[in-house]
Structure formats: C-alpha cells, structure tokens
Amino acid sequence: MRKTIVLCLVSLLAFSCNKKQEEVQEKETGSSGGKKFEMYEMSEMSMLMEQMYADNERLKQRIIQGDTIGKFPNHFLKIHKAVMTDKQENDAFFKEHAAAFIKAQELIYEDPKNAKAHFNESVDACIQCHQVKCGGPIARIKKLYIK
C-alpha cells in the first residue's frame, strides 16, 4: 500500500512539473495552443500623432512658463499624407479636421500673445476628430489643455 501511495505522489509531482514547464514555455515563446504572438506595429499616422503629442507637451510647458514659442514644426504637415492603419479612415472628415488642427497649431506660432487660446483650440480640434475616428486617446489628449 505504501508503495502505491509513493508511486501516486511521484506521478502527481511529475505531471505537475510537466504542466508548469509548458506554462513557462508558453510565456517565453509567446504562444499557446498553436497561436503565434504578433507584435503590434504602429502606422505612420500613429507614430506622427505620438510625435505631435510629445511636441505639444513641450509646447504647453513653454507657454505656461512664458518662454519663447519657437517655430512651427513642419513635420506636423505630414498629417495630410501619413499612412493610417486603416487607409479608408483618411476621408473628407479627417482631412477637414486635420486642416483645422494645422491652422490652430500655426496660429500659436503666428500669434504668440494668444498662444494659450490657440493651443487649447488645437487640442479641441484633436478631440473633435477623435470623437468620431478613434476615441481611445481622448482622455490622454485632454491632459494637454492649458487651464
């Protein structure tokens, strides 16, 4: 009887270790049950928007601190031609809102005395478009507002 209990415990331990080995292997390879792990690749538009967000965070700080505004970042103009994740999203609605965003951004640099108002208008332009196209980043974009 004792041998049977020991044999059962050893078997249970061996099967338990085998299951943990499979779990570790799944975590290391990123696959489970034959599914292949795929890395998300940002579209050209997503990368541009991330860059514009970072630029606007710095611009916000300059406006708040009363520093010089500098020059309009010309890479913002790529918004008209950057490739989107879904190419069909680059429609008339998007083009209209992209133009409004660019105009609001340009006004910050052309009229630095009213930079805060123009900056907040550019944030509004982002949000208005994202409310229709891609709502995910709205909460993050709202953090750009200058109060």
N, C-alpha and C. Protein backbone atom coordinates (compact mmCIF):
# COMPACT_ATOMS: atom_id res chain seq x y z
N MET A 1 0.83 -1.19 0.00
CA MET A 1 0.00 0.00 0.00
C MET A 1 0.88 1.25 0.00
N ARG A 2 1.94 1.20 0.79
CA ARG A 2 2.84 2.32 0.89
C ARG A 2 3.48 2.62 -0.46
N LYS A 3 3.85 1.60 -1.18
CA LYS A 3 4.46 1.77 -2.49
C LYS A 3 3.48 2.44 -3.46
N THR A 4 2.23 2.09 -3.36
CA THR A 4 1.21 2.67 -4.23
C THR A 4 1.05 4.17 -3.96
N ILE A 5 1.04 4.54 -2.69
CA ILE A 5 0.91 5.96 -2.32
C ILE A 5 2.12 6.74 -2.81
N VAL A 6 3.31 6.20 -2.60
CA VAL A 6 4.54 6.87 -3.05
C VAL A 6 4.53 7.00 -4.57
N LEU A 7 4.14 5.94 -5.25
CA LEU A 7 4.07 5.98 -6.71
C LEU A 7 3.08 7.04 -7.19
N CYS A 8 1.94 7.16 -6.54
CA CYS A 8 0.94 8.17 -6.90
C CYS A 8 1.48 9.58 -6.66
N LEU A 9 2.14 9.80 -5.55
CA LEU A 9 2.71 11.12 -5.25
C LEU A 9 3.80 11.50 -6.26
N VAL A 10 4.65 10.54 -6.60
CA VAL A 10 5.71 10.81 -7.58
C VAL A 10 5.09 11.12 -8.95
N SER A 11 4.08 10.37 -9.32
CA SER A 11 3.40 10.61 -10.60
C SER A 11 2.74 11.99 -10.61
N LEU A 12 2.07 12.32 -9.53
CA LEU A 12 1.42 13.62 -9.42
C LEU A 12 2.44 14.75 -9.51
N LEU A 13 3.55 14.60 -8.85
CA LEU A 13 4.62 15.59 -8.89
C LEU A 13 5.19 15.73 -10.30
N ALA A 14 5.38 14.62 -10.98
CA ALA A 14 5.93 14.63 -12.33
C ALA A 14 4.96 15.32 -13.30
N PHE A 15 3.68 15.02 -13.22
CA PHE A 15 2.70 15.65 -14.10
C PHE A 15 2.57 17.14 -13.78
N SER A 16 2.64 17.49 -12.51
CA SER A 16 2.55 18.88 -12.11
C SER A 16 3.73 19.68 -12.67
N CYS A 17 4.92 19.15 -12.58
CA CYS A 17 6.11 19.81 -13.10
C CYS A 17 6.02 19.94 -14.62
N ASN A 18 5.49 18.92 -15.29
CA ASN A 18 5.36 18.94 -16.74
C ASN A 18 4.41 20.08 -17.16
N LYS A 19 3.32 20.28 -16.43
CA LYS A 19 2.36 21.34 -16.74
C LYS A 19 3.01 22.71 -16.55
N LYS A 20 3.78 22.88 -15.48
CA LYS A 20 4.46 24.15 -15.24
C LYS A 20 5.50 24.41 -16.32
N GLN A 21 6.16 23.38 -16.79
CA GLN A 21 7.15 23.51 -17.87
C GLN A 21 6.47 24.04 -19.12
N GLU A 22 5.26 23.55 -19.44
CA GLU A 22 4.51 24.00 -20.61
C GLU A 22 4.12 25.47 -20.45
N GLU A 23 3.69 25.87 -19.23
CA GLU A 23 3.31 27.25 -18.99
C GLU A 23 4.50 28.19 -19.17
N VAL A 24 5.66 27.80 -18.65
CA VAL A 24 6.87 28.61 -18.80
C VAL A 24 7.24 28.74 -20.27
N GLN A 25 7.12 27.64 -20.99
CA GLN A 25 7.44 27.64 -22.42
C GLN A 25 6.50 28.57 -23.18
N GLU A 26 5.20 28.58 -22.83
CA GLU A 26 4.24 29.45 -23.48
C GLU A 26 4.59 30.91 -23.22
N LYS A 27 4.98 31.24 -21.99
CA LYS A 27 5.34 32.62 -21.67
C LYS A 27 6.58 33.05 -22.43
N GLU A 28 7.56 32.17 -22.53
CA GLU A 28 8.82 32.51 -23.20
C GLU A 28 8.64 32.69 -24.70
N THR A 29 7.85 31.84 -25.31
CA THR A 29 7.68 31.89 -26.77
C THR A 29 6.52 32.79 -27.18
N GLY A 30 5.65 33.12 -26.21
CA GLY A 30 4.50 33.96 -26.54
C GLY A 30 3.43 33.21 -27.29
N SER A 31 3.48 31.88 -27.24
CA SER A 31 2.47 31.12 -27.96
C SER A 31 1.77 30.17 -27.01
N SER A 32 0.52 29.94 -27.32
CA SER A 32 -0.24 28.96 -26.56
C SER A 32 -1.22 28.29 -27.50
N GLY A 33 -1.21 27.02 -27.49
CA GLY A 33 -2.14 26.27 -28.32
C GLY A 33 -1.96 26.54 -29.80
N GLY A 34 -0.75 26.78 -30.24
CA GLY A 34 -0.50 26.99 -31.66
C GLY A 34 -0.69 28.43 -32.11
N LYS A 35 -1.13 29.33 -31.21
CA LYS A 35 -1.30 30.73 -31.58
C LYS A 35 0.05 31.42 -31.63
N LYS A 36 0.26 32.21 -32.65
CA LYS A 36 1.53 32.91 -32.80
C LYS A 36 1.40 34.32 -32.25
N PHE A 37 2.37 34.72 -31.45
CA PHE A 37 2.41 36.07 -30.89
C PHE A 37 2.81 37.05 -31.98
N GLU A 38 2.02 38.11 -32.15
CA GLU A 38 2.33 39.11 -33.15
C GLU A 38 2.54 40.46 -32.47
N MET A 39 3.63 41.10 -32.81
CA MET A 39 3.95 42.41 -32.26
C MET A 39 3.14 43.48 -32.98
N TYR A 40 2.53 44.40 -32.22
CA TYR A 40 1.78 45.49 -32.81
C TYR A 40 2.76 46.44 -33.47
N GLU A 41 2.48 46.81 -34.70
CA GLU A 41 3.33 47.74 -35.42
C GLU A 41 2.52 49.01 -35.67
N MET A 42 3.04 50.14 -35.19
CA MET A 42 2.34 51.41 -35.33
C MET A 42 2.36 51.87 -36.79
N SER A 43 1.26 52.46 -37.20
CA SER A 43 1.19 53.02 -38.55
C SER A 43 1.99 54.33 -38.56
N GLU A 44 2.23 54.81 -39.75
CA GLU A 44 2.93 56.08 -39.92
C GLU A 44 2.15 57.20 -39.22
N MET A 45 0.82 57.17 -39.33
CA MET A 45 -0.02 58.19 -38.69
C MET A 45 0.05 58.08 -37.17
N SER A 46 0.04 56.88 -36.64
CA SER A 46 0.14 56.71 -35.20
C SER A 46 1.46 57.25 -34.67
N MET A 47 2.53 56.96 -35.38
CA MET A 47 3.84 57.47 -34.95
C MET A 47 3.88 59.00 -35.03
N LEU A 48 3.29 59.56 -36.08
CA LEU A 48 3.25 61.02 -36.21
C LEU A 48 2.44 61.62 -35.08
N MET A 49 1.32 61.03 -34.75
CA MET A 49 0.49 61.57 -33.67
C MET A 49 1.19 61.47 -32.32
N GLU A 50 1.93 60.40 -32.11
CA GLU A 50 2.73 60.30 -30.88
C GLU A 50 3.78 61.41 -30.82
N GLN A 51 4.41 61.69 -31.95
CA GLN A 51 5.40 62.76 -32.00
C GLN A 51 4.75 64.12 -31.77
N MET A 52 3.59 64.34 -32.38
CA MET A 52 2.87 65.60 -32.20
C MET A 52 2.45 65.77 -30.74
N TYR A 53 2.05 64.70 -30.10
CA TYR A 53 1.67 64.76 -28.69
C TYR A 53 2.87 65.18 -27.85
N ALA A 54 4.01 64.55 -28.08
CA ALA A 54 5.22 64.90 -27.33
C ALA A 54 5.62 66.35 -27.58
N ASP A 55 5.55 66.78 -28.83
CA ASP A 55 5.87 68.17 -29.16
C ASP A 55 4.93 69.13 -28.45
N ASN A 56 3.66 68.78 -28.40
CA ASN A 56 2.68 69.65 -27.75
C ASN A 56 2.82 69.66 -26.24
N GLU A 57 3.28 68.57 -25.65
CA GLU A 57 3.56 68.58 -24.21
C GLU A 57 4.67 69.60 -23.91
N ARG A 58 5.72 69.60 -24.73
CA ARG A 58 6.81 70.57 -24.54
C ARG A 58 6.33 71.99 -24.81
N LEU A 59 5.52 72.16 -25.85
CA LEU A 59 4.99 73.48 -26.18
C LEU A 59 4.12 74.00 -25.04
N LYS A 60 3.31 73.14 -24.48
CA LYS A 60 2.46 73.52 -23.35
C LYS A 60 3.30 74.08 -22.21
N GLN A 61 4.38 73.41 -21.89
CA GLN A 61 5.25 73.88 -20.81
C GLN A 61 5.88 75.23 -21.14
N ARG A 62 6.28 75.43 -22.40
CA ARG A 62 6.84 76.73 -22.80
C ARG A 62 5.80 77.84 -22.68
N ILE A 63 4.59 77.55 -23.06
CA ILE A 63 3.51 78.55 -22.96
C ILE A 63 3.25 78.88 -21.50
N ILE A 64 3.13 77.87 -20.67
CA ILE A 64 2.86 78.08 -19.24
C ILE A 64 3.98 78.90 -18.59
N GLN A 65 5.22 78.61 -18.95
CA GLN A 65 6.36 79.30 -18.35
C GLN A 65 6.65 80.65 -18.99
N GLY A 66 5.94 80.97 -20.06
CA GLY A 66 6.15 82.25 -20.73
C GLY A 66 7.41 82.29 -21.57
N ASP A 67 7.94 81.14 -21.94
CA ASP A 67 9.13 81.06 -22.79
C ASP A 67 8.78 81.40 -24.24
N THR A 68 9.80 81.55 -25.06
CA THR A 68 9.56 81.78 -26.48
C THR A 68 8.94 80.52 -27.09
N ILE A 69 8.07 80.74 -28.04
CA ILE A 69 7.32 79.65 -28.66
C ILE A 69 8.17 78.88 -29.66
N GLY A 70 8.99 79.58 -30.41
CA GLY A 70 9.81 78.93 -31.43
C GLY A 70 9.11 78.94 -32.77
N LYS A 71 9.46 77.98 -33.61
CA LYS A 71 8.91 77.89 -34.96
C LYS A 71 7.96 76.71 -35.08
N PHE A 72 6.99 76.88 -35.97
CA PHE A 72 6.03 75.80 -36.24
C PHE A 72 6.78 74.56 -36.72
N PRO A 73 6.54 73.41 -36.11
CA PRO A 73 7.19 72.17 -36.53
C PRO A 73 6.60 71.65 -37.85
N ASN A 74 7.37 71.76 -38.91
CA ASN A 74 6.88 71.39 -40.24
C ASN A 74 6.49 69.92 -40.37
N HIS A 75 7.03 69.06 -39.51
CA HIS A 75 6.65 67.65 -39.63
C HIS A 75 5.16 67.43 -39.30
N PHE A 76 4.51 68.43 -38.68
CA PHE A 76 3.06 68.33 -38.44
C PHE A 76 2.30 68.24 -39.76
N LEU A 77 2.85 68.83 -40.80
CA LEU A 77 2.18 68.84 -42.10
C LEU A 77 2.09 67.45 -42.72
N LYS A 78 2.84 66.50 -42.19
CA LYS A 78 2.76 65.12 -42.67
C LYS A 78 1.40 64.48 -42.37
N ILE A 79 0.62 65.15 -41.53
CA ILE A 79 -0.70 64.62 -41.17
C ILE A 79 -1.58 64.41 -42.41
N HIS A 80 -1.31 65.20 -43.45
CA HIS A 80 -2.12 65.09 -44.67
C HIS A 80 -1.76 63.87 -45.52
N LYS A 81 -0.56 63.35 -45.34
CA LYS A 81 -0.11 62.25 -46.21
C LYS A 81 0.30 60.98 -45.46
N ALA A 82 0.40 61.04 -44.15
CA ALA A 82 0.83 59.87 -43.38
C ALA A 82 -0.14 58.71 -43.58
N VAL A 83 0.40 57.51 -43.69
CA VAL A 83 -0.41 56.31 -43.91
C VAL A 83 -1.05 55.89 -42.59
N MET A 84 -2.35 55.69 -42.65
CA MET A 84 -3.11 55.28 -41.46
C MET A 84 -3.17 53.76 -41.36
N THR A 85 -3.52 53.28 -40.20
CA THR A 85 -3.72 51.85 -40.00
C THR A 85 -4.80 51.35 -40.96
N ASP A 86 -5.90 52.09 -41.01
CA ASP A 86 -6.99 51.79 -41.95
C ASP A 86 -7.03 52.94 -42.95
N LYS A 87 -6.57 52.69 -44.14
CA LYS A 87 -6.44 53.74 -45.15
C LYS A 87 -7.77 54.40 -45.49
N GLN A 88 -8.87 53.72 -45.27
CA GLN A 88 -10.19 54.28 -45.57
C GLN A 88 -10.57 55.39 -44.59
N GLU A 89 -9.89 55.46 -43.46
CA GLU A 89 -10.17 56.49 -42.46
C GLU A 89 -9.71 57.87 -42.93
N ASN A 90 -8.84 57.92 -43.93
CA ASN A 90 -8.34 59.20 -44.45
C ASN A 90 -9.36 59.75 -45.46
N ASP A 91 -10.52 60.11 -44.92
CA ASP A 91 -11.63 60.58 -45.75
C ASP A 91 -11.78 62.10 -45.62
N ALA A 92 -12.85 62.64 -46.19
CA ALA A 92 -13.09 64.09 -46.18
C ALA A 92 -13.20 64.62 -44.75
N PHE A 93 -13.86 63.88 -43.87
CA PHE A 93 -13.99 64.30 -42.47
C PHE A 93 -12.61 64.47 -41.84
N PHE A 94 -11.76 63.46 -42.01
CA PHE A 94 -10.42 63.54 -41.43
C PHE A 94 -9.64 64.71 -42.01
N LYS A 95 -9.70 64.86 -43.32
CA LYS A 95 -8.95 65.94 -43.97
C LYS A 95 -9.38 67.31 -43.47
N GLU A 96 -10.68 67.48 -43.28
CA GLU A 96 -11.21 68.75 -42.78
C GLU A 96 -10.69 69.02 -41.37
N HIS A 97 -10.73 68.01 -40.51
CA HIS A 97 -10.29 68.19 -39.13
C HIS A 97 -8.77 68.31 -39.03
N ALA A 98 -8.06 67.64 -39.90
CA ALA A 98 -6.60 67.77 -39.91
C ALA A 98 -6.22 69.20 -40.30
N ALA A 99 -6.92 69.77 -41.27
CA ALA A 99 -6.65 71.15 -41.69
C ALA A 99 -6.96 72.13 -40.56
N ALA A 100 -8.05 71.89 -39.81
CA ALA A 100 -8.40 72.75 -38.68
C ALA A 100 -7.32 72.66 -37.59
N PHE A 101 -6.83 71.46 -37.36
CA PHE A 101 -5.77 71.27 -36.37
C PHE A 101 -4.51 72.02 -36.78
N ILE A 102 -4.10 71.89 -38.04
CA ILE A 102 -2.90 72.55 -38.53
C ILE A 102 -3.05 74.07 -38.42
N LYS A 103 -4.22 74.59 -38.79
CA LYS A 103 -4.46 76.04 -38.70
C LYS A 103 -4.34 76.51 -37.26
N ALA A 104 -4.94 75.78 -36.33
CA ALA A 104 -4.86 76.15 -34.92
C ALA A 104 -3.42 76.09 -34.43
N GLN A 105 -2.67 75.10 -34.87
CA GLN A 105 -1.26 74.99 -34.48
C GLN A 105 -0.45 76.17 -35.04
N GLU A 106 -0.70 76.51 -36.29
CA GLU A 106 0.04 77.62 -36.91
C GLU A 106 -0.25 78.94 -36.19
N LEU A 107 -1.49 79.13 -35.74
CA LEU A 107 -1.85 80.35 -35.05
C LEU A 107 -1.07 80.53 -33.73
N ILE A 108 -0.71 79.42 -33.10
CA ILE A 108 0.08 79.50 -31.87
C ILE A 108 1.39 80.25 -32.15
N TYR A 109 2.00 79.93 -33.27
CA TYR A 109 3.30 80.49 -33.63
C TYR A 109 3.16 81.88 -34.26
N GLU A 110 2.06 82.11 -34.96
CA GLU A 110 1.84 83.40 -35.61
C GLU A 110 1.37 84.47 -34.63
N ASP A 111 0.67 84.07 -33.59
CA ASP A 111 0.09 85.00 -32.62
C ASP A 111 0.44 84.54 -31.20
N PRO A 112 1.73 84.64 -30.83
CA PRO A 112 2.15 84.12 -29.53
C PRO A 112 1.50 84.81 -28.33
N LYS A 113 0.97 86.01 -28.51
CA LYS A 113 0.30 86.70 -27.39
C LYS A 113 -0.93 85.92 -26.95
N ASN A 114 -1.56 85.24 -27.88
CA ASN A 114 -2.76 84.44 -27.59
C ASN A 114 -2.47 82.95 -27.72
N ALA A 115 -1.24 82.57 -27.43
CA ALA A 115 -0.81 81.18 -27.61
C ALA A 115 -1.66 80.19 -26.81
N LYS A 116 -2.00 80.57 -25.58
CA LYS A 116 -2.79 79.65 -24.75
C LYS A 116 -4.14 79.33 -25.41
N ALA A 117 -4.84 80.35 -25.89
CA ALA A 117 -6.14 80.13 -26.53
C ALA A 117 -5.99 79.30 -27.80
N HIS A 118 -5.00 79.64 -28.60
CA HIS A 118 -4.78 78.88 -29.85
C HIS A 118 -4.37 77.43 -29.54
N PHE A 119 -3.57 77.25 -28.51
CA PHE A 119 -3.15 75.90 -28.12
C PHE A 119 -4.37 75.07 -27.74
N ASN A 120 -5.22 75.64 -26.90
CA ASN A 120 -6.42 74.91 -26.48
C ASN A 120 -7.36 74.64 -27.66
N GLU A 121 -7.38 75.54 -28.64
CA GLU A 121 -8.18 75.31 -29.86
C GLU A 121 -7.61 74.13 -30.65
N SER A 122 -6.29 74.00 -30.67
CA SER A 122 -5.70 72.86 -31.38
C SER A 122 -6.02 71.55 -30.66
N VAL A 123 -6.06 71.59 -29.34
CA VAL A 123 -6.46 70.40 -28.57
C VAL A 123 -7.92 70.07 -28.86
N ASP A 124 -8.77 71.12 -28.93
CA ASP A 124 -10.18 70.91 -29.29
C ASP A 124 -10.29 70.22 -30.65
N ALA A 125 -9.48 70.66 -31.62
CA ALA A 125 -9.51 70.08 -32.96
C ALA A 125 -9.16 68.60 -32.91
N CYS A 126 -8.19 68.26 -32.11
CA CYS A 126 -7.82 66.83 -31.96
C CYS A 126 -9.01 66.03 -31.41
N ILE A 127 -9.59 66.55 -30.35
CA ILE A 127 -10.67 65.82 -29.68
C ILE A 127 -11.88 65.68 -30.60
N GLN A 128 -12.23 66.74 -31.32
CA GLN A 128 -13.38 66.68 -32.22
C GLN A 128 -13.22 65.58 -33.27
N CYS A 129 -12.02 65.43 -33.78
CA CYS A 129 -11.77 64.38 -34.77
C CYS A 129 -11.80 63.00 -34.10
N HIS A 130 -11.12 62.89 -32.96
CA HIS A 130 -11.03 61.59 -32.28
C HIS A 130 -12.38 61.11 -31.75
N GLN A 131 -13.30 62.02 -31.50
CA GLN A 131 -14.63 61.60 -31.05
C GLN A 131 -15.33 60.78 -32.13
N VAL A 132 -14.96 61.00 -33.38
CA VAL A 132 -15.59 60.27 -34.48
C VAL A 132 -14.70 59.14 -34.98
N LYS A 133 -13.40 59.40 -35.09
CA LYS A 133 -12.49 58.45 -35.74
C LYS A 133 -11.92 57.39 -34.81
N CYS A 134 -11.36 57.81 -33.70
CA CYS A 134 -10.66 56.87 -32.82
C CYS A 134 -10.68 57.44 -31.42
N GLY A 135 -11.61 57.00 -30.61
CA GLY A 135 -11.82 57.58 -29.29
C GLY A 135 -10.81 57.23 -28.23
N GLY A 136 -10.00 56.22 -28.48
CA GLY A 136 -9.06 55.74 -27.47
C GLY A 136 -8.20 56.80 -26.80
N PRO A 137 -7.56 57.68 -27.56
CA PRO A 137 -6.63 58.62 -26.93
C PRO A 137 -7.27 59.91 -26.38
N ILE A 138 -8.58 60.03 -26.37
CA ILE A 138 -9.21 61.29 -25.95
C ILE A 138 -8.81 61.69 -24.53
N ALA A 139 -8.85 60.76 -23.59
CA ALA A 139 -8.50 61.10 -22.21
C ALA A 139 -7.06 61.63 -22.12
N ARG A 140 -6.19 61.04 -22.87
CA ARG A 140 -4.80 61.48 -22.89
C ARG A 140 -4.68 62.87 -23.53
N ILE A 141 -5.38 63.09 -24.62
CA ILE A 141 -5.33 64.38 -25.31
C ILE A 141 -5.84 65.49 -24.40
N LYS A 142 -6.90 65.21 -23.63
CA LYS A 142 -7.46 66.22 -22.72
C LYS A 142 -6.44 66.72 -21.71
N LYS A 143 -5.45 65.92 -21.41
CA LYS A 143 -4.42 66.34 -20.45
C LYS A 143 -3.54 67.46 -21.02
N LEU A 144 -3.62 67.69 -22.31
CA LEU A 144 -2.85 68.75 -22.91
C LEU A 144 -3.42 70.14 -22.65
N TYR A 145 -4.71 70.24 -22.35
CA TYR A 145 -5.31 71.55 -22.14
C TYR A 145 -4.51 72.37 -21.15
N ILE A 146 -4.41 73.65 -21.44
CA ILE A 146 -3.80 74.60 -20.51
C ILE A 146 -4.95 75.26 -19.76
N LYS A 147 -4.92 75.14 -18.45
CA LYS A 147 -6.01 75.70 -17.62
C LYS A 147 -5.72 77.10 -17.21
